[in-house]
């Protein structure tokens, strides 16, 4: 999924409490919301297991979607030519903090 589509979702959860952000993502009817939700769940689990923090005290400090490498494919066109298909990808980075 393109970074531009993901940024629309990540901007909605930035600055919210972690559990509140999870609730917001369950309501948003976009494919990107499901993917961001998985990353947020992972960030919460890492904070719990590695830093012994409570999920209730966590806050989404930063939520960023950046571009990744683009897969380039081609589709046949008229008169023997080819048209490009760009399959865009992105990296999702979510930082949670107890402050």
PDB file of N, CA and C in Angstrom:
ATOM      1  N   UNK A   1       0.840  -1.176   0.000  1.00  0.00           N
ATOM      2  CA  UNK A   1       0.000   0.000   0.000  1.00  0.00           C
ATOM      3  C   UNK A   1       0.887   1.243   0.000  1.00  0.00           C
ATOM      4  N   UNK A   2       0.455   2.283  -0.650  1.00  0.00           N
ATOM      5  CA  UNK A   2       1.282   3.482  -0.774  1.00  0.00           C
ATOM      6  C   UNK A   2       1.366   4.222   0.557  1.00  0.00           C
ATOM      7  N   UNK A   3       2.464   4.940   0.734  1.00  0.00           N
ATOM      8  CA  UNK A   3       2.692   5.688   1.966  1.00  0.00           C
ATOM      9  C   UNK A   3       1.669   6.809   2.120  1.00  0.00           C
ATOM     10  N   UNK A   4       1.226   7.362   1.016  1.00  0.00           N
ATOM     11  CA  UNK A   4       0.257   8.461   1.059  1.00  0.00           C
ATOM     12  C   UNK A   4      -1.063   7.982   1.684  1.00  0.00           C
ATOM     13  N   UNK A   5      -1.504   6.785   1.319  1.00  0.00           N
ATOM     14  CA  UNK A   5      -2.740   6.237   1.884  1.00  0.00           C
ATOM     15  C   UNK A   5      -2.557   5.885   3.360  1.00  0.00           C
ATOM     16  N   UNK A   6      -1.372   5.408   3.717  1.00  0.00           N
ATOM     17  CA  UNK A   6      -1.094   5.044   5.101  1.00  0.00           C
ATOM     18  C   UNK A   6      -1.008   6.269   6.000  1.00  0.00           C
ATOM     19  N   UNK A   7      -0.463   7.363   5.478  1.00  0.00           N
ATOM     20  CA  UNK A   7      -0.317   8.581   6.283  1.00  0.00           C
ATOM     21  C   UNK A   7      -1.659   9.112   6.756  1.00  0.00           C
ATOM     22  N   UNK A   8      -2.707   8.950   5.952  1.00  0.00           N
ATOM     23  CA  UNK A   8      -4.039   9.396   6.359  1.00  0.00           C
ATOM     24  C   UNK A   8      -4.490   8.680   7.629  1.00  0.00           C
ATOM     25  N   UNK A   9      -4.122   7.416   7.767  1.00  0.00           N
ATOM     26  CA  UNK A   9      -4.509   6.636   8.941  1.00  0.00           C
ATOM     27  C   UNK A   9      -3.591   6.945  10.122  1.00  0.00           C
ATOM     28  N   UNK A  10      -2.287   7.026   9.888  1.00  0.00           N
ATOM     29  CA  UNK A  10      -1.354   7.248  10.998  1.00  0.00           C
ATOM     30  C   UNK A  10      -1.557   8.615  11.637  1.00  0.00           C
ATOM     31  N   UNK A  11      -1.968   9.602  10.863  1.00  0.00           N
ATOM     32  CA  UNK A  11      -2.212  10.938  11.427  1.00  0.00           C
ATOM     33  C   UNK A  11      -3.387  10.933  12.400  1.00  0.00           C
ATOM     34  N   UNK A  12      -4.335  10.022  12.208  1.00  0.00           N
ATOM     35  CA  UNK A  12      -5.505   9.972  13.085  1.00  0.00           C
ATOM     36  C   UNK A  12      -5.163   9.468  14.483  1.00  0.00           C
ATOM     37  N   UNK A  13      -4.130   8.631  14.622  1.00  0.00           N
ATOM     38  CA  UNK A  13      -3.816   8.033  15.919  1.00  0.00           C
ATOM     39  C   UNK A  13      -2.662   8.723  16.634  1.00  0.00           C
ATOM     40  N   UNK A  14      -1.964   9.610  15.970  1.00  0.00           N
ATOM     41  CA  UNK A  14      -0.812  10.260  16.577  1.00  0.00           C
ATOM     42  C   UNK A  14      -1.245  11.128  17.755  1.00  0.00           C
ATOM     43  N   UNK A  15      -0.607  10.920  18.910  1.00  0.00           N
ATOM     44  CA  UNK A  15      -0.901  11.707  20.099  1.00  0.00           C
ATOM     45  C   UNK A  15      -1.986  11.130  20.997  1.00  0.00           C
ATOM     46  N   UNK A  16      -2.671  10.087  20.557  1.00  0.00           N
ATOM     47  CA  UNK A  16      -3.718   9.472  21.368  1.00  0.00           C
ATOM     48  C   UNK A  16      -3.114   8.474  22.346  1.00  0.00           C
ATOM     49  N   UNK A  17      -3.907   8.073  23.322  1.00  0.00           N
ATOM     50  CA  UNK A  17      -3.512   6.974  24.187  1.00  0.00           C
ATOM     51  C   UNK A  17      -3.503   5.689  23.370  1.00  0.00           C
ATOM     52  N   UNK A  18      -2.689   4.728  23.766  1.00  0.00           N
ATOM     53  CA  UNK A  18      -2.514   3.514  22.965  1.00  0.00           C
ATOM     54  C   UNK A  18      -3.823   2.732  22.828  1.00  0.00           C
ATOM     55  N   UNK A  19      -4.537   2.569  23.926  1.00  0.00           N
ATOM     56  CA  UNK A  19      -5.791   1.818  23.865  1.00  0.00           C
ATOM     57  C   UNK A  19      -6.873   2.598  23.119  1.00  0.00           C
ATOM     58  N   UNK A  20      -6.865   3.919  23.258  1.00  0.00           N
ATOM     59  CA  UNK A  20      -7.804   4.755  22.523  1.00  0.00           C
ATOM     60  C   UNK A  20      -7.516   4.695  21.024  1.00  0.00           C
ATOM     61  N   UNK A  21      -6.239   4.663  20.659  1.00  0.00           N
ATOM     62  CA  UNK A  21      -5.848   4.566  19.251  1.00  0.00           C
ATOM     63  C   UNK A  21      -6.294   3.229  18.657  1.00  0.00           C
ATOM     64  N   UNK A  22      -6.206   2.157  19.441  1.00  0.00           N
ATOM     65  CA  UNK A  22      -6.677   0.852  18.968  1.00  0.00           C
ATOM     66  C   UNK A  22      -8.183   0.899  18.690  1.00  0.00           C
ATOM     67  N   UNK A  23      -8.930   1.568  19.553  1.00  0.00           N
ATOM     68  CA  UNK A  23     -10.380   1.683  19.366  1.00  0.00           C
ATOM     69  C   UNK A  23     -10.698   2.491  18.107  1.00  0.00           C
ATOM     70  N   UNK A  24      -9.943   3.555  17.872  1.00  0.00           N
ATOM     71  CA  UNK A  24     -10.156   4.380  16.681  1.00  0.00           C
ATOM     72  C   UNK A  24      -9.877   3.567  15.421  1.00  0.00           C
ATOM     73  N   UNK A  25      -8.800   2.787  15.433  1.00  0.00           N
ATOM     74  CA  UNK A  25      -8.417   2.006  14.253  1.00  0.00           C
ATOM     75  C   UNK A  25      -9.434   0.912  13.933  1.00  0.00           C
ATOM     76  N   UNK A  26     -10.134   0.404  14.944  1.00  0.00           N
ATOM     77  CA  UNK A  26     -11.151  -0.611  14.686  1.00  0.00           C
ATOM     78  C   UNK A  26     -12.371  -0.021  13.977  1.00  0.00           C
ATOM     79  N   UNK A  27     -12.583   1.274  14.134  1.00  0.00           N
ATOM     80  CA  UNK A  27     -13.733   1.933  13.521  1.00  0.00           C
ATOM     81  C   UNK A  27     -13.436   2.395  12.101  1.00  0.00           C
ATOM     82  N   UNK A  28     -12.185   2.777  11.823  1.00  0.00           N
ATOM     83  CA  UNK A  28     -11.819   3.338  10.519  1.00  0.00           C
ATOM     84  C   UNK A  28     -11.980   2.267   9.434  1.00  0.00           C
ATOM     85  N   UNK A  29     -12.770   2.532   8.375  1.00  0.00           N
ATOM     86  CA  UNK A  29     -13.051   1.511   7.359  1.00  0.00           C
ATOM     87  C   UNK A  29     -12.050   1.503   6.210  1.00  0.00           C
ATOM     88  N   UNK A  30     -10.770   1.439   6.503  1.00  0.00           N
ATOM     89  CA  UNK A  30      -9.743   1.421   5.451  1.00  0.00           C
ATOM     90  C   UNK A  30      -8.825   0.232   5.668  1.00  0.00           C
ATOM     91  N   UNK A  31      -8.243  -0.259   4.585  1.00  0.00           N
ATOM     92  CA  UNK A  31      -7.309  -1.375   4.677  1.00  0.00           C
ATOM     93  C   UNK A  31      -6.089  -0.968   5.498  1.00  0.00           C
ATOM     94  N   UNK A  32      -5.645   0.270   5.340  1.00  0.00           N
ATOM     95  CA  UNK A  32      -4.480   0.763   6.072  1.00  0.00           C
ATOM     96  C   UNK A  32      -4.677   0.732   7.569  1.00  0.00           C
ATOM     97  N   UNK A  33      -5.904   0.902   8.043  1.00  0.00           N
ATOM     98  CA  UNK A  33      -6.192   0.885   9.476  1.00  0.00           C
ATOM     99  C   UNK A  33      -5.892  -0.489  10.065  1.00  0.00           C
ATOM    100  N   UNK A  34      -6.188  -1.537   9.321  1.00  0.00           N
ATOM    101  CA  UNK A  34      -5.912  -2.895   9.799  1.00  0.00           C
ATOM    102  C   UNK A  34      -4.407  -3.124   9.932  1.00  0.00           C
ATOM    103  N   UNK A  35      -3.636  -2.622   8.964  1.00  0.00           N
ATOM    104  CA  UNK A  35      -2.185  -2.803   8.989  1.00  0.00           C
ATOM    105  C   UNK A  35      -1.536  -1.965  10.082  1.00  0.00           C
ATOM    106  N   UNK A  36      -1.997  -0.736  10.264  1.00  0.00           N
ATOM    107  CA  UNK A  36      -1.466   0.120  11.323  1.00  0.00           C
ATOM    108  C   UNK A  36      -1.821  -0.469  12.688  1.00  0.00           C
ATOM    109  N   UNK A  37      -2.995  -1.065  12.798  1.00  0.00           N
ATOM    110  CA  UNK A  37      -3.417  -1.696  14.043  1.00  0.00           C
ATOM    111  C   UNK A  37      -2.473  -2.834  14.433  1.00  0.00           C
ATOM    112  N   UNK A  38      -2.027  -3.611  13.457  1.00  0.00           N
ATOM    113  CA  UNK A  38      -1.093  -4.701  13.741  1.00  0.00           C
ATOM    114  C   UNK A  38       0.238  -4.170  14.269  1.00  0.00           C
ATOM    115  N   UNK A  39       0.714  -3.076  13.672  1.00  0.00           N
ATOM    116  CA  UNK A  39       1.973  -2.486  14.107  1.00  0.00           C
ATOM    117  C   UNK A  39       1.824  -1.900  15.508  1.00  0.00           C
ATOM    118  N   UNK A  40       0.692  -1.268  15.785  1.00  0.00           N
ATOM    119  CA  UNK A  40       0.448  -0.691  17.103  1.00  0.00           C
ATOM    120  C   UNK A  40       0.367  -1.783  18.164  1.00  0.00           C
ATOM    121  N   UNK A  41      -0.305  -2.893  17.850  1.00  0.00           N
ATOM    122  CA  UNK A  41      -0.374  -4.017  18.786  1.00  0.00           C
ATOM    123  C   UNK A  41       1.014  -4.542  19.110  1.00  0.00           C
ATOM    124  N   UNK A  42       1.868  -4.610  18.094  1.00  0.00           N
ATOM    125  CA  UNK A  42       3.237  -5.071  18.298  1.00  0.00           C
ATOM    126  C   UNK A  42       4.024  -4.101  19.177  1.00  0.00           C
ATOM    127  N   UNK A  43       3.842  -2.797  18.958  1.00  0.00           N
ATOM    128  CA  UNK A  43       4.541  -1.794  19.763  1.00  0.00           C
ATOM    129  C   UNK A  43       4.103  -1.862  21.223  1.00  0.00           C
ATOM    130  N   UNK A  44       2.814  -2.078  21.457  1.00  0.00           N
ATOM    131  CA  UNK A  44       2.303  -2.190  22.826  1.00  0.00           C
ATOM    132  C   UNK A  44       2.869  -3.445  23.498  1.00  0.00           C
ATOM    133  N   UNK A  45       2.894  -4.550  22.769  1.00  0.00           N
ATOM    134  CA  UNK A  45       3.418  -5.801  23.320  1.00  0.00           C
ATOM    135  C   UNK A  45       4.916  -5.675  23.638  1.00  0.00           C
ATOM    136  N   UNK A  46       5.667  -4.992  22.769  1.00  0.00           N
ATOM    137  CA  UNK A  46       7.094  -4.785  23.030  1.00  0.00           C
ATOM    138  C   UNK A  46       7.303  -3.941  24.280  1.00  0.00           C
ATOM    139  N   UNK A  47       6.491  -2.911  24.468  1.00  0.00           N
ATOM    140  CA  UNK A  47       6.616  -2.063  25.658  1.00  0.00           C
ATOM    141  C   UNK A  47       6.282  -2.849  26.923  1.00  0.00           C
ATOM    142  N   UNK A  48       5.274  -3.709  26.825  1.00  0.00           N
ATOM    143  CA  UNK A  48       4.890  -4.522  27.985  1.00  0.00           C
ATOM    144  C   UNK A  48       5.982  -5.515  28.367  1.00  0.00           C
ATOM    145  N   UNK A  49       6.484  -6.259  27.379  1.00  0.00           N
ATOM    146  CA  UNK A  49       7.426  -7.338  27.663  1.00  0.00           C
ATOM    147  C   UNK A  49       8.854  -6.854  27.906  1.00  0.00           C
ATOM    148  N   UNK A  50       9.300  -5.847  27.166  1.00  0.00           N
ATOM    149  CA  UNK A  50      10.691  -5.422  27.271  1.00  0.00           C
ATOM    150  C   UNK A  50      10.918  -4.353  28.330  1.00  0.00           C
ATOM    151  N   UNK A  51       9.949  -3.460  28.519  1.00  0.00           N
ATOM    152  CA  UNK A  51      10.126  -2.336  29.455  1.00  0.00           C
ATOM    153  C   UNK A  51       9.213  -2.414  30.674  1.00  0.00           C
ATOM    154  N   UNK A  52       8.395  -3.465  30.765  1.00  0.00           N
ATOM    155  CA  UNK A  52       7.464  -3.663  31.885  1.00  0.00           C
ATOM    156  C   UNK A  52       6.540  -2.468  32.105  1.00  0.00           C
ATOM    157  N   UNK A  53       5.978  -1.937  31.012  1.00  0.00           N
ATOM    158  CA  UNK A  53       5.052  -0.809  31.089  1.00  0.00           C
ATOM    159  C   UNK A  53       3.614  -1.306  30.946  1.00  0.00           C
ATOM    160  N   UNK A  54       2.686  -0.599  31.559  1.00  0.00           N
ATOM    161  CA  UNK A  54       1.268  -0.947  31.469  1.00  0.00           C
ATOM    162  C   UNK A  54       0.669  -0.340  30.207  1.00  0.00           C
ATOM    163  N   UNK A  55      -0.163  -1.081  29.462  1.00  0.00           N
ATOM    164  CA  UNK A  55      -0.772  -0.554  28.237  1.00  0.00           C
ATOM    165  C   UNK A  55      -1.659   0.675  28.483  1.00  0.00           C
ATOM    166  N   UNK A  56      -2.253   0.761  29.684  1.00  0.00           N
ATOM    167  CA  UNK A  56      -3.127   1.897  29.997  1.00  0.00           C
ATOM    168  C   UNK A  56      -2.349   3.209  30.064  1.00  0.00           C
ATOM    169  N   UNK A  57      -1.048   3.132  30.411  1.00  0.00           N
ATOM    170  CA  UNK A  57      -0.253   4.353  30.566  1.00  0.00           C
ATOM    171  C   UNK A  57       0.457   4.762  29.274  1.00  0.00           C
ATOM    172  N   UNK A  58       0.369   3.936  28.231  1.00  0.00           N
ATOM    173  CA  UNK A  58       1.099   4.220  26.993  1.00  0.00           C
ATOM    174  C   UNK A  58       0.368   5.234  26.120  1.00  0.00           C
ATOM    175  N   UNK A  59       1.151   6.014  25.402  1.00  0.00           N
ATOM    176  CA  UNK A  59       0.642   7.033  24.491  1.00  0.00           C
ATOM    177  C   UNK A  59       1.374   6.899  23.161  1.00  0.00           C
ATOM    178  N   UNK A  60       0.680   7.108  22.043  1.00  0.00           N
ATOM    179  CA  UNK A  60       1.303   7.056  20.719  1.00  0.00           C
ATOM    180  C   UNK A  60       2.072   8.359  20.532  1.00  0.00           C
ATOM    181  N   UNK A  61       3.382   8.268  20.671  1.00  0.00           N
ATOM    182  CA  UNK A  61       4.222   9.464  20.581  1.00  0.00           C
ATOM    183  C   UNK A  61       4.447   9.860  19.125  1.00  0.00           C
ATOM    184  N   UNK A  62       4.662   8.850  18.279  1.00  0.00           N
ATOM    185  CA  UNK A  62       4.967   9.114  16.869  1.00  0.00           C
ATOM    186  C   UNK A  62       4.377   7.998  16.026  1.00  0.00           C
ATOM    187  N   UNK A  63       3.753   8.359  14.913  1.00  0.00           N
ATOM    188  CA  UNK A  63       3.223   7.390  13.947  1.00  0.00           C
ATOM    189  C   UNK A  63       3.556   7.913  12.557  1.00  0.00           C
ATOM    190  N   UNK A  64       4.453   7.198  11.869  1.00  0.00           N
ATOM    191  CA  UNK A  64       4.975   7.674  10.582  1.00  0.00           C
ATOM    192  C   UNK A  64       4.847   6.567   9.543  1.00  0.00           C
ATOM    193  N   UNK A  65       4.501   6.953   8.327  1.00  0.00           N
ATOM    194  CA  UNK A  65       4.497   6.026   7.189  1.00  0.00           C
ATOM    195  C   UNK A  65       5.417   6.611   6.122  1.00  0.00           C
ATOM    196  N   UNK A  66       6.502   5.907   5.842  1.00  0.00           N
ATOM    197  CA  UNK A  66       7.463   6.367   4.839  1.00  0.00           C
ATOM    198  C   UNK A  66       7.490   5.448   3.641  1.00  0.00           C
ATOM    199  N   UNK A  67       7.970   5.963   2.528  1.00  0.00           N
ATOM    200  CA  UNK A  67       7.997   5.160   1.307  1.00  0.00           C
ATOM    201  C   UNK A  67       9.077   4.091   1.381  1.00  0.00           C
ATOM    202  N   UNK A  68       8.825   2.993   0.713  1.00  0.00           N
ATOM    203  CA  UNK A  68       9.781   1.897   0.593  1.00  0.00           C
ATOM    204  C   UNK A  68      10.043   1.680  -0.893  1.00  0.00           C
ATOM    205  N   UNK A  69      10.761   0.635  -1.217  1.00  0.00           N
ATOM    206  CA  UNK A  69      11.047   0.362  -2.626  1.00  0.00           C
ATOM    207  C   UNK A  69       9.760   0.047  -3.376  1.00  0.00           C
ATOM    208  N   UNK A  70       9.710   0.448  -4.621  1.00  0.00           N
ATOM    209  CA  UNK A  70       8.544   0.240  -5.464  1.00  0.00           C
ATOM    210  C   UNK A  70       8.808  -0.906  -6.423  1.00  0.00           C
ATOM    211  N   UNK A  71       7.869  -1.849  -6.476  1.00  0.00           N
ATOM    212  CA  UNK A  71       7.968  -2.936  -7.453  1.00  0.00           C
ATOM    213  C   UNK A  71       7.518  -2.401  -8.799  1.00  0.00           C
ATOM    214  N   UNK A  72       8.312  -2.626  -9.814  1.00  0.00           N
ATOM    215  CA  UNK A  72       7.964  -2.130 -11.142  1.00  0.00           C
ATOM    216  C   UNK A  72       7.583  -3.305 -12.032  1.00  0.00           C
ATOM    217  N   UNK A  73       6.367  -3.265 -12.540  1.00  0.00           N
ATOM    218  CA  UNK A  73       5.850  -4.295 -13.437  1.00  0.00           C
ATOM    219  C   UNK A  73       5.357  -3.614 -14.706  1.00  0.00           C
ATOM    220  N   UNK A  74       5.117  -4.404 -15.745  1.00  0.00           N
ATOM    221  CA  UNK A  74       4.648  -3.846 -17.007  1.00  0.00           C
ATOM    222  C   UNK A  74       3.450  -4.632 -17.503  1.00  0.00           C
ATOM    223  N   UNK A  75       2.539  -3.929 -18.155  1.00  0.00           N
ATOM    224  CA  UNK A  75       1.370  -4.561 -18.733  1.00  0.00           C
ATOM    225  C   UNK A  75       1.377  -4.300 -20.240  1.00  0.00           C
ATOM    226  N   UNK A  76       0.991  -5.272 -21.042  1.00  0.00           N
ATOM    227  CA  UNK A  76       0.999  -5.083 -22.490  1.00  0.00           C
ATOM    228  C   UNK A  76      -0.009  -4.024 -22.918  1.00  0.00           C
ATOM    229  N   UNK A  77       0.388  -3.242 -23.881  1.00  0.00           N
ATOM    230  CA  UNK A  77      -0.479  -2.201 -24.457  1.00  0.00           C
ATOM    231  C   UNK A  77      -0.592  -2.431 -25.960  1.00  0.00           C
ATOM    232  N   UNK A  78      -1.295  -1.544 -26.614  1.00  0.00           N
ATOM    233  CA  UNK A  78      -1.533  -1.679 -28.052  1.00  0.00           C
ATOM    234  C   UNK A  78      -0.242  -1.509 -28.855  1.00  0.00           C
ATOM    235  N   UNK A  79      -0.192  -2.149 -30.002  1.00  0.00           N
ATOM    236  CA  UNK A  79       0.897  -2.015 -30.982  1.00  0.00           C
ATOM    237  C   UNK A  79       2.258  -2.430 -30.422  1.00  0.00           C
ATOM    238  N   UNK A  80       2.254  -3.415 -29.526  1.00  0.00           N
ATOM    239  CA  UNK A  80       3.513  -3.983 -29.043  1.00  0.00           C
ATOM    240  C   UNK A  80       4.225  -3.184 -27.974  1.00  0.00           C
ATOM    241  N   UNK A  81       3.597  -2.159 -27.439  1.00  0.00           N
ATOM    242  CA  UNK A  81       4.261  -1.383 -26.393  1.00  0.00           C
ATOM    243  C   UNK A  81       3.862  -1.909 -25.015  1.00  0.00           C
ATOM    244  N   UNK A  82       4.426  -1.319 -23.982  1.00  0.00           N
ATOM    245  CA  UNK A  82       4.125  -1.751 -22.618  1.00  0.00           C
ATOM    246  C   UNK A  82       3.893  -0.531 -21.739  1.00  0.00           C
ATOM    247  N   UNK A  83       2.993  -0.681 -20.784  1.00  0.00           N
ATOM    248  CA  UNK A  83       2.695   0.395 -19.840  1.00  0.00           C
ATOM    249  C   UNK A  83       3.170   0.013 -18.448  1.00  0.00           C
ATOM    250  N   UNK A  84       3.726   0.951 -17.700  1.00  0.00           N
ATOM    251  CA  UNK A  84       4.260   0.631 -16.365  1.00  0.00           C
ATOM    252  C   UNK A  84       3.154   0.470 -15.320  1.00  0.00           C
ATOM    253  N   UNK A  85       3.390  -0.431 -14.375  1.00  0.00           N
ATOM    254  CA  UNK A  85       2.552  -0.585 -13.189  1.00  0.00           C
ATOM    255  C   UNK A  85       3.493  -0.433 -12.005  1.00  0.00           C
ATOM    256  N   UNK A  86       3.235   0.534 -11.149  1.00  0.00           N
ATOM    257  CA  UNK A  86       4.067   0.766  -9.974  1.00  0.00           C
ATOM    258  C   UNK A  86       3.337   0.244  -8.746  1.00  0.00           C
ATOM    259  N   UNK A  87       3.891  -0.792  -8.117  1.00  0.00           N
ATOM    260  CA  UNK A  87       3.302  -1.360  -6.906  1.00  0.00           C
ATOM    261  C   UNK A  87       4.046  -0.770  -5.718  1.00  0.00           C
ATOM    262  N   UNK A  88       3.444   0.264  -5.142  1.00  0.00           N
ATOM    263  CA  UNK A  88       4.116   1.008  -4.078  1.00  0.00           C
ATOM    264  C   UNK A  88       3.991   0.287  -2.744  1.00  0.00           C
ATOM    265  N   UNK A  89       5.038   0.466  -1.919  1.00  0.00           N
ATOM    266  CA  UNK A  89       5.077  -0.126  -0.582  1.00  0.00           C
ATOM    267  C   UNK A  89       5.513   0.941   0.407  1.00  0.00           C
ATOM    268  N   UNK A  90       5.316   0.657   1.698  1.00  0.00           N
ATOM    269  CA  UNK A  90       5.708   1.649   2.704  1.00  0.00           C
ATOM    270  C   UNK A  90       6.165   0.965   3.983  1.00  0.00           C
ATOM    271  N   UNK A  91       6.877   1.747   4.802  1.00  0.00           N
ATOM    272  CA  UNK A  91       7.306   1.333   6.124  1.00  0.00           C
ATOM    273  C   UNK A  91       6.451   2.086   7.133  1.00  0.00           C
ATOM    274  N   UNK A  92       5.938   1.362   8.143  1.00  0.00           N
ATOM    275  CA  UNK A  92       5.143   1.985   9.184  1.00  0.00           C
ATOM    276  C   UNK A  92       5.962   1.961  10.472  1.00  0.00           C
ATOM    277  N   UNK A  93       6.107   3.126  11.113  1.00  0.00           N
ATOM    278  CA  UNK A  93       6.865   3.213  12.358  1.00  0.00           C
ATOM    279  C   UNK A  93       5.982   3.869  13.408  1.00  0.00           C
ATOM    280  N   UNK A  94       5.766   3.144  14.517  1.00  0.00           N
ATOM    281  CA  UNK A  94       4.961   3.678  15.614  1.00  0.00           C
ATOM    282  C   UNK A  94       5.797   3.637  16.890  1.00  0.00           C
ATOM    283  N   UNK A  95       5.893   4.764  17.561  1.00  0.00           N
ATOM    284  CA  UNK A  95       6.629   4.867  18.810  1.00  0.00           C
ATOM    285  C   UNK A  95       5.624   5.125  19.926  1.00  0.00           C
ATOM    286  N   UNK A  96       5.649   4.266  20.971  1.00  0.00           N
ATOM    287  CA  UNK A  96       4.790   4.475  22.128  1.00  0.00           C
ATOM    288  C   UNK A  96       5.654   4.854  23.327  1.00  0.00           C
ATOM    289  N   UNK A  97       5.099   5.679  24.192  1.00  0.00           N
ATOM    290  CA  UNK A  97       5.839   6.180  25.344  1.00  0.00           C
ATOM    291  C   UNK A  97       4.896   6.260  26.533  1.00  0.00           C
ATOM    292  N   UNK A  98       5.443   6.208  27.733  1.00  0.00           N
ATOM    293  CA  UNK A  98       4.604   6.312  28.939  1.00  0.00           C
ATOM    294  C   UNK A  98       4.563   7.731  29.484  1.00  0.00           C
ATOM    295  N   UNK A  99       5.017   8.697  28.737  1.00  0.00           N
ATOM    296  CA  UNK A  99       5.039  10.097  29.196  1.00  0.00           C
ATOM    297  C   UNK A  99       3.839  10.860  28.696  1.00  0.00           C
TER     298      UNK A  99
END
